[in-house]
Amino acid sequence: MTNYKHYCKEWDFLEIDADSPEFEACICEIDSDGRGPEFHSGDRVYVHPMRQEATVIRQILHYDGPESFWGNLELQYDDGIKGTSHSWQVKKVNTQWDNWKANREFV
């Protein structure tokens, strides 16, 4: 069995793996490598095939036998139309908040 080791935020960042008693109660959304989604609800992305920006609704967790991975994105375009795109076809768009964080000097 793949080891789903991660630090669960629901269990005060306790290290949990498939052998832990807390494993069954963990509600974290992770793939078989222990990673969360790359894109989150509300992220702005540029969809290359459509040549326009969209907002991420969610990234879908796909399964291939015992393995799982983060794949397609459900998107909503600025005109209200919803669609699906492969995660490799999109790129995150810098927002004003991202620019502010990147340029801020921490004391």
PDB file of N, CA and C in Angstrom:
ATOM      1  N   MET A   1       0.838  -1.190   0.000  1.00  0.00           N
ATOM      2  CA  MET A   1       0.000   0.000   0.000  1.00  0.00           C
ATOM      3  C   MET A   1       0.877   1.245   0.000  1.00  0.00           C
ATOM      4  N   THR A   2       0.458   2.255  -0.774  1.00  0.00           N
ATOM      5  CA  THR A   2       1.172   3.513  -0.819  1.00  0.00           C
ATOM      6  C   THR A   2       1.074   4.203   0.527  1.00  0.00           C
ATOM      7  N   ASN A   3       2.150   4.827   0.949  1.00  0.00           N
ATOM      8  CA  ASN A   3       2.167   5.509   2.225  1.00  0.00           C
ATOM      9  C   ASN A   3       1.668   6.941   2.044  1.00  0.00           C
ATOM     10  N   TYR A   4       0.524   7.259   2.626  1.00  0.00           N
ATOM     11  CA  TYR A   4      -0.091   8.567   2.493  1.00  0.00           C
ATOM     12  C   TYR A   4       0.340   9.482   3.634  1.00  0.00           C
ATOM     13  N   LYS A   5       1.632   9.555   3.920  1.00  0.00           N
ATOM     14  CA  LYS A   5       2.122  10.332   5.051  1.00  0.00           C
ATOM     15  C   LYS A   5       1.988  11.829   4.775  1.00  0.00           C
ATOM     16  N   HIS A   6       1.417  12.531   5.740  1.00  0.00           N
ATOM     17  CA  HIS A   6       1.317  13.977   5.658  1.00  0.00           C
ATOM     18  C   HIS A   6       1.106  14.543   7.060  1.00  0.00           C
ATOM     19  N   TYR A   7       1.201  15.848   7.168  1.00  0.00           N
ATOM     20  CA  TYR A   7       0.958  16.530   8.439  1.00  0.00           C
ATOM     21  C   TYR A   7      -0.447  17.117   8.384  1.00  0.00           C
ATOM     22  N   CYS A   8      -1.361  16.482   9.111  1.00  0.00           N
ATOM     23  CA  CYS A   8      -2.785  16.800   9.020  1.00  0.00           C
ATOM     24  C   CYS A   8      -3.126  18.057   9.818  1.00  0.00           C
ATOM     25  N   LYS A   9      -3.697  19.051   9.128  1.00  0.00           N
ATOM     26  CA  LYS A   9      -4.070  20.286   9.818  1.00  0.00           C
ATOM     27  C   LYS A   9      -5.256  20.072  10.750  1.00  0.00           C
ATOM     28  N   GLU A  10      -6.087  19.078  10.493  1.00  0.00           N
ATOM     29  CA  GLU A  10      -7.222  18.776  11.367  1.00  0.00           C
ATOM     30  C   GLU A  10      -6.787  18.140  12.684  1.00  0.00           C
ATOM     31  N   TRP A  11      -5.600  17.569  12.703  1.00  0.00           N
ATOM     32  CA  TRP A  11      -5.068  16.914  13.904  1.00  0.00           C
ATOM     33  C   TRP A  11      -3.855  17.684  14.423  1.00  0.00           C
ATOM     34  N   ASP A  12      -3.918  19.019  14.396  1.00  0.00           N
ATOM     35  CA  ASP A  12      -2.839  19.890  14.873  1.00  0.00           C
ATOM     36  C   ASP A  12      -1.497  19.527  14.250  1.00  0.00           C
ATOM     37  N   PHE A  13      -1.539  19.255  12.949  1.00  0.00           N
ATOM     38  CA  PHE A  13      -0.356  18.945  12.151  1.00  0.00           C
ATOM     39  C   PHE A  13       0.410  17.726  12.657  1.00  0.00           C
ATOM     40  N   LEU A  14      -0.350  16.776  13.190  1.00  0.00           N
ATOM     41  CA  LEU A  14       0.205  15.487  13.582  1.00  0.00           C
ATOM     42  C   LEU A  14       0.617  14.730  12.318  1.00  0.00           C
ATOM     43  N   GLU A  15       1.755  14.051  12.361  1.00  0.00           N
ATOM     44  CA  GLU A  15       2.188  13.256  11.214  1.00  0.00           C
ATOM     45  C   GLU A  15       1.328  12.001  11.133  1.00  0.00           C
ATOM     46  N   ILE A  16       0.603  11.857  10.027  1.00  0.00           N
ATOM     47  CA  ILE A  16      -0.327  10.744   9.840  1.00  0.00           C
ATOM     48  C   ILE A  16       0.080   9.963   8.606  1.00  0.00           C
ATOM     49  N   ASP A  17       0.056   8.634   8.719  1.00  0.00           N
ATOM     50  CA  ASP A  17       0.240   7.794   7.546  1.00  0.00           C
ATOM     51  C   ASP A  17      -0.812   6.689   7.589  1.00  0.00           C
ATOM     52  N   ALA A  18      -0.759   5.767   6.638  1.00  0.00           N
ATOM     53  CA  ALA A  18      -1.780   4.730   6.523  1.00  0.00           C
ATOM     54  C   ALA A  18      -1.837   3.813   7.734  1.00  0.00           C
ATOM     55  N   ASP A  19      -0.786   3.767   8.535  1.00  0.00           N
ATOM     56  CA  ASP A  19      -0.770   2.916   9.721  1.00  0.00           C
ATOM     57  C   ASP A  19      -1.216   3.636  10.989  1.00  0.00           C
ATOM     58  N   SER A  20      -1.468   4.926  10.918  1.00  0.00           N
ATOM     59  CA  SER A  20      -1.873   5.700  12.093  1.00  0.00           C
ATOM     60  C   SER A  20      -3.339   5.450  12.417  1.00  0.00           C
ATOM     61  N   PRO A  21      -3.697   5.443  13.704  1.00  0.00           N
ATOM     62  CA  PRO A  21      -5.108   5.261  14.061  1.00  0.00           C
ATOM     63  C   PRO A  21      -5.982   6.428  13.599  1.00  0.00           C
ATOM     64  N   GLU A  22      -5.396   7.607  13.386  1.00  0.00           N
ATOM     65  CA  GLU A  22      -6.149   8.783  12.949  1.00  0.00           C
ATOM     66  C   GLU A  22      -6.411   8.793  11.444  1.00  0.00           C
ATOM     67  N   PHE A  23      -5.799   7.855  10.699  1.00  0.00           N
ATOM     68  CA  PHE A  23      -5.870   7.868   9.243  1.00  0.00           C
ATOM     69  C   PHE A  23      -7.316   7.833   8.731  1.00  0.00           C
ATOM     70  N   GLU A  24      -8.147   6.977   9.300  1.00  0.00           N
ATOM     71  CA  GLU A  24      -9.532   6.837   8.835  1.00  0.00           C
ATOM     72  C   GLU A  24     -10.354   8.096   9.083  1.00  0.00           C
ATOM     73  N   ALA A  25     -10.012   8.866  10.117  1.00  0.00           N
ATOM     74  CA  ALA A  25     -10.769  10.070  10.452  1.00  0.00           C
ATOM     75  C   ALA A  25     -10.265  11.311   9.720  1.00  0.00           C
ATOM     76  N   CYS A  26      -9.117  11.218   9.087  1.00  0.00           N
ATOM     77  CA  CYS A  26      -8.524  12.362   8.390  1.00  0.00           C
ATOM     78  C   CYS A  26      -9.371  12.722   7.174  1.00  0.00           C
ATOM     79  N   ILE A  27      -9.670  14.015   7.020  1.00  0.00           N
ATOM     80  CA  ILE A  27     -10.483  14.464   5.884  1.00  0.00           C
ATOM     81  C   ILE A  27      -9.676  15.318   4.902  1.00  0.00           C
ATOM     82  N   CYS A  28      -8.354  15.300   5.042  1.00  0.00           N
ATOM     83  CA  CYS A  28      -7.503  16.068   4.130  1.00  0.00           C
ATOM     84  C   CYS A  28      -7.643  15.527   2.709  1.00  0.00           C
ATOM     85  N   GLU A  29      -7.654  16.442   1.749  1.00  0.00           N
ATOM     86  CA  GLU A  29      -7.684  16.030   0.349  1.00  0.00           C
ATOM     87  C   GLU A  29      -6.257  16.014  -0.158  1.00  0.00           C
ATOM     88  N   ILE A  30      -5.691  14.801  -0.262  1.00  0.00           N
ATOM     89  CA  ILE A  30      -4.326  14.637  -0.740  1.00  0.00           C
ATOM     90  C   ILE A  30      -4.290  13.521  -1.771  1.00  0.00           C
ATOM     91  N   ASP A  31      -3.277  13.583  -2.636  1.00  0.00           N
ATOM     92  CA  ASP A  31      -3.115  12.501  -3.611  1.00  0.00           C
ATOM     93  C   ASP A  31      -2.251  11.400  -3.007  1.00  0.00           C
ATOM     94  N   SER A  32      -1.952  10.386  -3.784  1.00  0.00           N
ATOM     95  CA  SER A  32      -1.202   9.251  -3.247  1.00  0.00           C
ATOM     96  C   SER A  32       0.241   9.605  -2.901  1.00  0.00           C
ATOM     97  N   ASP A  33       0.723  10.756  -3.330  1.00  0.00           N
ATOM     98  CA  ASP A  33       2.062  11.223  -2.949  1.00  0.00           C
ATOM     99  C   ASP A  33       2.009  12.168  -1.751  1.00  0.00           C
ATOM    100  N   GLY A  34       0.816  12.385  -1.191  1.00  0.00           N
ATOM    101  CA  GLY A  34       0.677  13.248  -0.025  1.00  0.00           C
ATOM    102  C   GLY A  34       0.583  14.730  -0.349  1.00  0.00           C
ATOM    103  N   ARG A  35       0.334  15.074  -1.604  1.00  0.00           N
ATOM    104  CA  ARG A  35       0.245  16.482  -2.009  1.00  0.00           C
ATOM    105  C   ARG A  35      -1.201  16.930  -2.119  1.00  0.00           C
ATOM    106  N   GLY A  36      -1.419  18.184  -1.820  1.00  0.00           N
ATOM    107  CA  GLY A  36      -2.728  18.799  -2.027  1.00  0.00           C
ATOM    108  C   GLY A  36      -2.823  19.339  -3.440  1.00  0.00           C
ATOM    109  N   PRO A  37      -3.964  19.914  -3.793  1.00  0.00           N
ATOM    110  CA  PRO A  37      -4.130  20.450  -5.144  1.00  0.00           C
ATOM    111  C   PRO A  37      -3.212  21.642  -5.399  1.00  0.00           C
ATOM    112  N   GLU A  38      -2.784  21.792  -6.639  1.00  0.00           N
ATOM    113  CA  GLU A  38      -1.949  22.927  -7.027  1.00  0.00           C
ATOM    114  C   GLU A  38      -2.801  24.182  -7.186  1.00  0.00           C
ATOM    115  N   PHE A  39      -4.040  24.010  -7.627  1.00  0.00           N
ATOM    116  CA  PHE A  39      -4.958  25.130  -7.855  1.00  0.00           C
ATOM    117  C   PHE A  39      -6.100  25.037  -6.852  1.00  0.00           C
ATOM    118  N   HIS A  40      -6.495  26.191  -6.302  1.00  0.00           N
ATOM    119  CA  HIS A  40      -7.546  26.224  -5.290  1.00  0.00           C
ATOM    120  C   HIS A  40      -8.714  27.078  -5.768  1.00  0.00           C
ATOM    121  N   SER A  41      -9.857  26.870  -5.170  1.00  0.00           N
ATOM    122  CA  SER A  41     -11.052  27.624  -5.505  1.00  0.00           C
ATOM    123  C   SER A  41     -10.773  29.121  -5.370  1.00  0.00           C
ATOM    124  N   GLY A  42     -11.117  29.856  -6.407  1.00  0.00           N
ATOM    125  CA  GLY A  42     -10.910  31.299  -6.406  1.00  0.00           C
ATOM    126  C   GLY A  42      -9.637  31.753  -7.090  1.00  0.00           C
ATOM    127  N   ASP A  43      -8.711  30.834  -7.366  1.00  0.00           N
ATOM    128  CA  ASP A  43      -7.475  31.203  -8.078  1.00  0.00           C
ATOM    129  C   ASP A  43      -7.822  31.688  -9.479  1.00  0.00           C
ATOM    130  N   ARG A  44      -7.107  32.724  -9.918  1.00  0.00           N
ATOM    131  CA  ARG A  44      -7.263  33.200 -11.295  1.00  0.00           C
ATOM    132  C   ARG A  44      -6.193  32.530 -12.147  1.00  0.00           C
ATOM    133  N   VAL A  45      -6.602  32.028 -13.306  1.00  0.00           N
ATOM    134  CA  VAL A  45      -5.691  31.332 -14.205  1.00  0.00           C
ATOM    135  C   VAL A  45      -5.879  31.828 -15.634  1.00  0.00           C
ATOM    136  N   TYR A  46      -4.824  31.675 -16.428  1.00  0.00           N
ATOM    137  CA  TYR A  46      -4.888  31.940 -17.855  1.00  0.00           C
ATOM    138  C   TYR A  46      -4.988  30.600 -18.556  1.00  0.00           C
ATOM    139  N   VAL A  47      -6.034  30.412 -19.368  1.00  0.00           N
ATOM    140  CA  VAL A  47      -6.266  29.158 -20.077  1.00  0.00           C
ATOM    141  C   VAL A  47      -5.710  29.320 -21.488  1.00  0.00           C
ATOM    142  N   HIS A  48      -4.585  28.667 -21.757  1.00  0.00           N
ATOM    143  CA  HIS A  48      -3.886  28.859 -23.029  1.00  0.00           C
ATOM    144  C   HIS A  48      -4.723  28.510 -24.260  1.00  0.00           C
ATOM    145  N   PRO A  49      -5.414  27.350 -24.325  1.00  0.00           N
ATOM    146  CA  PRO A  49      -6.177  27.049 -25.546  1.00  0.00           C
ATOM    147  C   PRO A  49      -7.303  28.052 -25.823  1.00  0.00           C
ATOM    148  N   MET A  50      -7.890  28.611 -24.762  1.00  0.00           N
ATOM    149  CA  MET A  50      -8.994  29.564 -24.929  1.00  0.00           C
ATOM    150  C   MET A  50      -8.494  31.006 -25.057  1.00  0.00           C
ATOM    151  N   ARG A  51      -7.237  31.224 -24.668  1.00  0.00           N
ATOM    152  CA  ARG A  51      -6.621  32.550 -24.676  1.00  0.00           C
ATOM    153  C   ARG A  51      -7.424  33.558 -23.863  1.00  0.00           C
ATOM    154  N   GLN A  52      -7.843  33.112 -22.665  1.00  0.00           N
ATOM    155  CA  GLN A  52      -8.551  34.016 -21.765  1.00  0.00           C
ATOM    156  C   GLN A  52      -8.387  33.561 -20.316  1.00  0.00           C
ATOM    157  N   GLU A  53      -8.720  34.456 -19.412  1.00  0.00           N
ATOM    158  CA  GLU A  53      -8.611  34.152 -17.994  1.00  0.00           C
ATOM    159  C   GLU A  53      -9.904  33.533 -17.480  1.00  0.00           C
ATOM    160  N   ALA A  54      -9.769  32.789 -16.376  1.00  0.00           N
ATOM    161  CA  ALA A  54     -10.918  32.151 -15.741  1.00  0.00           C
ATOM    162  C   ALA A  54     -10.634  32.035 -14.248  1.00  0.00           C
ATOM    163  N   THR A  55     -11.670  31.686 -13.499  1.00  0.00           N
ATOM    164  CA  THR A  55     -11.553  31.466 -12.062  1.00  0.00           C
ATOM    165  C   THR A  55     -11.722  29.978 -11.790  1.00  0.00           C
ATOM    166  N   VAL A  56     -10.841  29.433 -10.959  1.00  0.00           N
ATOM    167  CA  VAL A  56     -10.903  28.012 -10.613  1.00  0.00           C
ATOM    168  C   VAL A  56     -12.075  27.763  -9.671  1.00  0.00           C
ATOM    169  N   ILE A  57     -12.899  26.761  -9.998  1.00  0.00           N
ATOM    170  CA  ILE A  57     -13.947  26.299  -9.098  1.00  0.00           C
ATOM    171  C   ILE A  57     -13.359  25.232  -8.187  1.00  0.00           C
ATOM    172  N   ARG A  58     -12.683  24.243  -8.788  1.00  0.00           N
ATOM    173  CA  ARG A  58     -11.991  23.212  -8.021  1.00  0.00           C
ATOM    174  C   ARG A  58     -11.089  22.418  -8.942  1.00  0.00           C
ATOM    175  N   GLN A  59     -10.090  21.758  -8.339  1.00  0.00           N
ATOM    176  CA  GLN A  59      -9.248  20.827  -9.074  1.00  0.00           C
ATOM    177  C   GLN A  59      -9.698  19.422  -8.703  1.00  0.00           C
ATOM    178  N   ILE A  60      -9.816  18.559  -9.683  1.00  0.00           N
ATOM    179  CA  ILE A  60     -10.395  17.227  -9.493  1.00  0.00           C
ATOM    180  C   ILE A  60      -9.298  16.213  -9.171  1.00  0.00           C
ATOM    181  N   LEU A  61      -9.561  15.383  -8.167  1.00  0.00           N
ATOM    182  CA  LEU A  61      -8.656  14.298  -7.802  1.00  0.00           C
ATOM    183  C   LEU A  61      -9.022  13.081  -8.641  1.00  0.00           C
ATOM    184  N   HIS A  62      -8.074  12.588  -9.449  1.00  0.00           N
ATOM    185  CA  HIS A  62      -8.298  11.447 -10.338  1.00  0.00           C
ATOM    186  C   HIS A  62      -7.637  10.200  -9.763  1.00  0.00           C
ATOM    187  N   TYR A  63      -8.168   9.053 -10.133  1.00  0.00           N
ATOM    188  CA  TYR A  63      -7.645   7.780  -9.640  1.00  0.00           C
ATOM    189  C   TYR A  63      -7.245   6.895 -10.808  1.00  0.00           C
ATOM    190  N   ASP A  64      -6.104   6.227 -10.666  1.00  0.00           N
ATOM    191  CA  ASP A  64      -5.628   5.249 -11.639  1.00  0.00           C
ATOM    192  C   ASP A  64      -5.193   4.028 -10.840  1.00  0.00           C
ATOM    193  N   GLY A  65      -6.137   3.132 -10.571  1.00  0.00           N
ATOM    194  CA  GLY A  65      -5.868   1.999  -9.693  1.00  0.00           C
ATOM    195  C   GLY A  65      -5.655   2.511  -8.277  1.00  0.00           C
ATOM    196  N   PRO A  66      -4.591   2.090  -7.619  1.00  0.00           N
ATOM    197  CA  PRO A  66      -4.348   2.550  -6.250  1.00  0.00           C
ATOM    198  C   PRO A  66      -3.724   3.948  -6.189  1.00  0.00           C
ATOM    199  N   GLU A  67      -3.285   4.470  -7.325  1.00  0.00           N
ATOM    200  CA  GLU A  67      -2.652   5.790  -7.364  1.00  0.00           C
ATOM    201  C   GLU A  67      -3.701   6.876  -7.585  1.00  0.00           C
ATOM    202  N   SER A  68      -3.454   8.046  -7.019  1.00  0.00           N
ATOM    203  CA  SER A  68      -4.319   9.198  -7.261  1.00  0.00           C
ATOM    204  C   SER A  68      -3.454  10.410  -7.574  1.00  0.00           C
ATOM    205  N   PHE A  69      -4.015  11.362  -8.323  1.00  0.00           N
ATOM    206  CA  PHE A  69      -3.273  12.557  -8.716  1.00  0.00           C
ATOM    207  C   PHE A  69      -4.258  13.684  -9.001  1.00  0.00           C
ATOM    208  N   TRP A  70      -3.767  14.922  -8.874  1.00  0.00           N
ATOM    209  CA  TRP A  70      -4.588  16.099  -9.151  1.00  0.00           C
ATOM    210  C   TRP A  70      -4.522  16.387 -10.638  1.00  0.00           C
ATOM    211  N   GLY A  71      -5.681  16.460 -11.289  1.00  0.00           N
ATOM    212  CA  GLY A  71      -5.711  16.631 -12.741  1.00  0.00           C
ATOM    213  C   GLY A  71      -6.520  17.822 -13.187  1.00  0.00           C
ATOM    214  N   ASN A  72      -7.618  17.550 -13.869  1.00  0.00           N
ATOM    215  CA  ASN A  72      -8.418  18.587 -14.516  1.00  0.00           C
ATOM    216  C   ASN A  72      -8.923  19.635 -13.536  1.00  0.00           C
ATOM    217  N   LEU A  73      -9.225  20.807 -14.107  1.00  0.00           N
ATOM    218  CA  LEU A  73      -9.787  21.916 -13.340  1.00  0.00           C
ATOM    219  C   LEU A  73     -11.187  22.221 -13.829  1.00  0.00           C
ATOM    220  N   GLU A  74     -12.090  22.466 -12.900  1.00  0.00           N
ATOM    221  CA  GLU A  74     -13.386  23.033 -13.249  1.00  0.00           C
ATOM    222  C   GLU A  74     -13.227  24.540 -13.148  1.00  0.00           C
ATOM    223  N   LEU A  75     -13.600  25.239 -14.233  1.00  0.00           N
ATOM    224  CA  LEU A  75     -13.374  26.680 -14.323  1.00  0.00           C
ATOM    225  C   LEU A  75     -14.661  27.424 -14.599  1.00  0.00           C
ATOM    226  N   GLN A  76     -14.676  28.702 -14.233  1.00  0.00           N
ATOM    227  CA  GLN A  76     -15.748  29.590 -14.651  1.00  0.00           C
ATOM    228  C   GLN A  76     -15.101  30.792 -15.323  1.00  0.00           C
ATOM    229  N   TYR A  77     -15.481  31.004 -16.590  1.00  0.00           N
ATOM    230  CA  TYR A  77     -14.937  32.119 -17.347  1.00  0.00           C
ATOM    231  C   TYR A  77     -15.670  33.397 -16.966  1.00  0.00           C
ATOM    232  N   ASP A  78     -15.098  34.522 -17.329  1.00  0.00           N
ATOM    233  CA  ASP A  78     -15.658  35.816 -16.937  1.00  0.00           C
ATOM    234  C   ASP A  78     -17.043  36.077 -17.523  1.00  0.00           C
ATOM    235  N   ASP A  79     -17.395  35.400 -18.612  1.00  0.00           N
ATOM    236  CA  ASP A  79     -18.737  35.570 -19.193  1.00  0.00           C
ATOM    237  C   ASP A  79     -19.775  34.650 -18.549  1.00  0.00           C
ATOM    238  N   GLY A  80     -19.376  33.895 -17.499  1.00  0.00           N
ATOM    239  CA  GLY A  80     -20.306  33.043 -16.762  1.00  0.00           C
ATOM    240  C   GLY A  80     -20.329  31.589 -17.210  1.00  0.00           C
ATOM    241  N   ILE A  81     -19.692  31.279 -18.316  1.00  0.00           N
ATOM    242  CA  ILE A  81     -19.671  29.907 -18.824  1.00  0.00           C
ATOM    243  C   ILE A  81     -18.713  29.064 -17.997  1.00  0.00           C
ATOM    244  N   LYS A  82     -19.150  27.845 -17.650  1.00  0.00           N
ATOM    245  CA  LYS A  82     -18.309  26.916 -16.900  1.00  0.00           C
ATOM    246  C   LYS A  82     -17.704  25.902 -17.858  1.00  0.00           C
ATOM    247  N   GLY A  83     -16.493  25.458 -17.538  1.00  0.00           N
ATOM    248  CA  GLY A  83     -15.825  24.487 -18.395  1.00  0.00           C
ATOM    249  C   GLY A  83     -14.794  23.700 -17.622  1.00  0.00           C
ATOM    250  N   THR A  84     -14.164  22.759 -18.305  1.00  0.00           N
ATOM    251  CA  THR A  84     -13.125  21.914 -17.725  1.00  0.00           C
ATOM    252  C   THR A  84     -11.876  22.046 -18.577  1.00  0.00           C
ATOM    253  N   SER A  85     -10.727  22.082 -17.921  1.00  0.00           N
ATOM    254  CA  SER A  85      -9.463  22.180 -18.644  1.00  0.00           C
ATOM    255  C   SER A  85      -8.422  21.314 -17.952  1.00  0.00           C
ATOM    256  N   HIS A  86      -7.469  20.831 -18.730  1.00  0.00           N
ATOM    257  CA  HIS A  86      -6.353  20.078 -18.158  1.00  0.00           C
ATOM    258  C   HIS A  86      -5.475  21.037 -17.366  1.00  0.00           C
ATOM    259  N   SER A  87      -4.937  20.566 -16.258  1.00  0.00           N
ATOM    260  CA  SER A  87      -4.129  21.447 -15.406  1.00  0.00           C
ATOM    261  C   SER A  87      -2.862  21.926 -16.108  1.00  0.00           C
ATOM    262  N   TRP A  88      -2.356  21.176 -17.071  1.00  0.00           N
ATOM    263  CA  TRP A  88      -1.148  21.592 -17.780  1.00  0.00           C
ATOM    264  C   TRP A  88      -1.436  22.646 -18.843  1.00  0.00           C
ATOM    265  N   GLN A  89      -2.721  22.951 -19.085  1.00  0.00           N
ATOM    266  CA  GLN A  89      -3.087  23.962 -20.071  1.00  0.00           C
ATOM    267  C   GLN A  89      -3.296  25.335 -19.450  1.00  0.00           C
ATOM    268  N   VAL A  90      -3.144  25.442 -18.140  1.00  0.00           N
ATOM    269  CA  VAL A  90      -3.403  26.717 -17.477  1.00  0.00           C
ATOM    270  C   VAL A  90      -2.176  27.183 -16.696  1.00  0.00           C
ATOM    271  N   LYS A  91      -2.152  28.472 -16.431  1.00  0.00           N
ATOM    272  CA  LYS A  91      -1.078  29.082 -15.661  1.00  0.00           C
ATOM    273  C   LYS A  91      -1.716  30.069 -14.694  1.00  0.00           C
ATOM    274  N   LYS A  92      -1.241  30.084 -13.441  1.00  0.00           N
ATOM    275  CA  LYS A  92      -1.770  31.036 -12.470  1.00  0.00           C
ATOM    276  C   LYS A  92      -1.455  32.455 -12.921  1.00  0.00           C
ATOM    277  N   VAL A  93      -2.414  33.339 -12.678  1.00  0.00           N
ATOM    278  CA  VAL A  93      -2.260  34.744 -13.021  1.00  0.00           C
ATOM    279  C   VAL A  93      -1.924  35.498 -11.741  1.00  0.00           C
ATOM    280  N   ASN A  94      -0.926  36.363 -11.800  1.00  0.00           N
ATOM    281  CA  ASN A  94      -0.603  37.178 -10.633  1.00  0.00           C
ATOM    282  C   ASN A  94      -1.718  38.175 -10.384  1.00  0.00           C
ATOM    283  N   THR A  95      -2.139  38.235  -9.152  1.00  0.00           N
ATOM    284  CA  THR A  95      -3.161  39.202  -8.760  1.00  0.00           C
ATOM    285  C   THR A  95      -2.482  40.362  -8.057  1.00  0.00           C
ATOM    286  N   GLN A  96      -3.224  41.385  -7.765  1.00  0.00           N
ATOM    287  CA  GLN A  96      -2.679  42.525  -7.046  1.00  0.00           C
ATOM    288  C   GLN A  96      -2.147  42.081  -5.683  1.00  0.00           C
ATOM    289  N   TRP A  97      -2.849  41.159  -5.021  1.00  0.00           N
ATOM    290  CA  TRP A  97      -2.407  40.639  -3.723  1.00  0.00           C
ATOM    291  C   TRP A  97      -1.076  39.907  -3.855  1.00  0.00           C
ATOM    292  N   ASP A  98      -0.910  39.076  -4.898  1.00  0.00           N
ATOM    293  CA  ASP A  98       0.350  38.369  -5.124  1.00  0.00           C
ATOM    294  C   ASP A  98       1.495  39.345  -5.333  1.00  0.00           C
ATOM    295  N   ASN A  99       1.238  40.397  -6.114  1.00  0.00           N
ATOM    296  CA  ASN A  99       2.274  41.402  -6.357  1.00  0.00           C
ATOM    297  C   ASN A  99       2.658  42.120  -5.074  1.00  0.00           C
ATOM    298  N   TRP A 100       1.682  42.422  -4.240  1.00  0.00           N
ATOM    299  CA  TRP A 100       1.951  43.087  -2.968  1.00  0.00           C
ATOM    300  C   TRP A 100       2.805  42.203  -2.075  1.00  0.00           C
ATOM    301  N   LYS A 101       2.453  40.904  -1.978  1.00  0.00           N
ATOM    302  CA  LYS A 101       3.225  39.983  -1.137  1.00  0.00           C
ATOM    303  C   LYS A 101       4.657  39.851  -1.658  1.00  0.00           C
ATOM    304  N   ALA A 102       4.838  39.802  -2.965  1.00  0.00           N
ATOM    305  CA  ALA A 102       6.165  39.618  -3.546  1.00  0.00           C
ATOM    306  C   ALA A 102       7.056  40.829  -3.311  1.00  0.00           C
ATOM    307  N   ASN A 103       6.475  42.017  -3.266  1.00  0.00           N
ATOM    308  CA  ASN A 103       7.257  43.242  -3.125  1.00  0.00           C
ATOM    309  C   ASN A 103       7.381  43.739  -1.699  1.00  0.00           C
ATOM    310  N   ARG A 104       6.702  43.106  -0.775  1.00  0.00           N
ATOM    311  CA  ARG A 104       6.726  43.555   0.626  1.00  0.00           C
ATOM    312  C   ARG A 104       8.035  43.131   1.289  1.00  0.00           C
ATOM    313  N   GLU A 105       8.591  44.021   2.053  1.00  0.00           N
ATOM    314  CA  GLU A 105       9.790  43.707   2.810  1.00  0.00           C
ATOM    315  C   GLU A 105       9.393  43.393   4.234  1.00  0.00           C
ATOM    316  N   PHE A 106       9.752  42.204   4.705  1.00  0.00           N
ATOM    317  CA  PHE A 106       9.427  41.814   6.063  1.00  0.00           C
ATOM    318  C   PHE A 106      10.540  42.272   6.996  1.00  0.00           C
ATOM    319  N   VAL A 107      10.147  42.846   8.114  1.00  0.00           N
ATOM    320  CA  VAL A 107      11.111  43.358   9.090  1.00  0.00           C
ATOM    321  C   VAL A 107      11.417  42.286  10.103  1.00  0.00           C
TER     322      VAL A 107
END
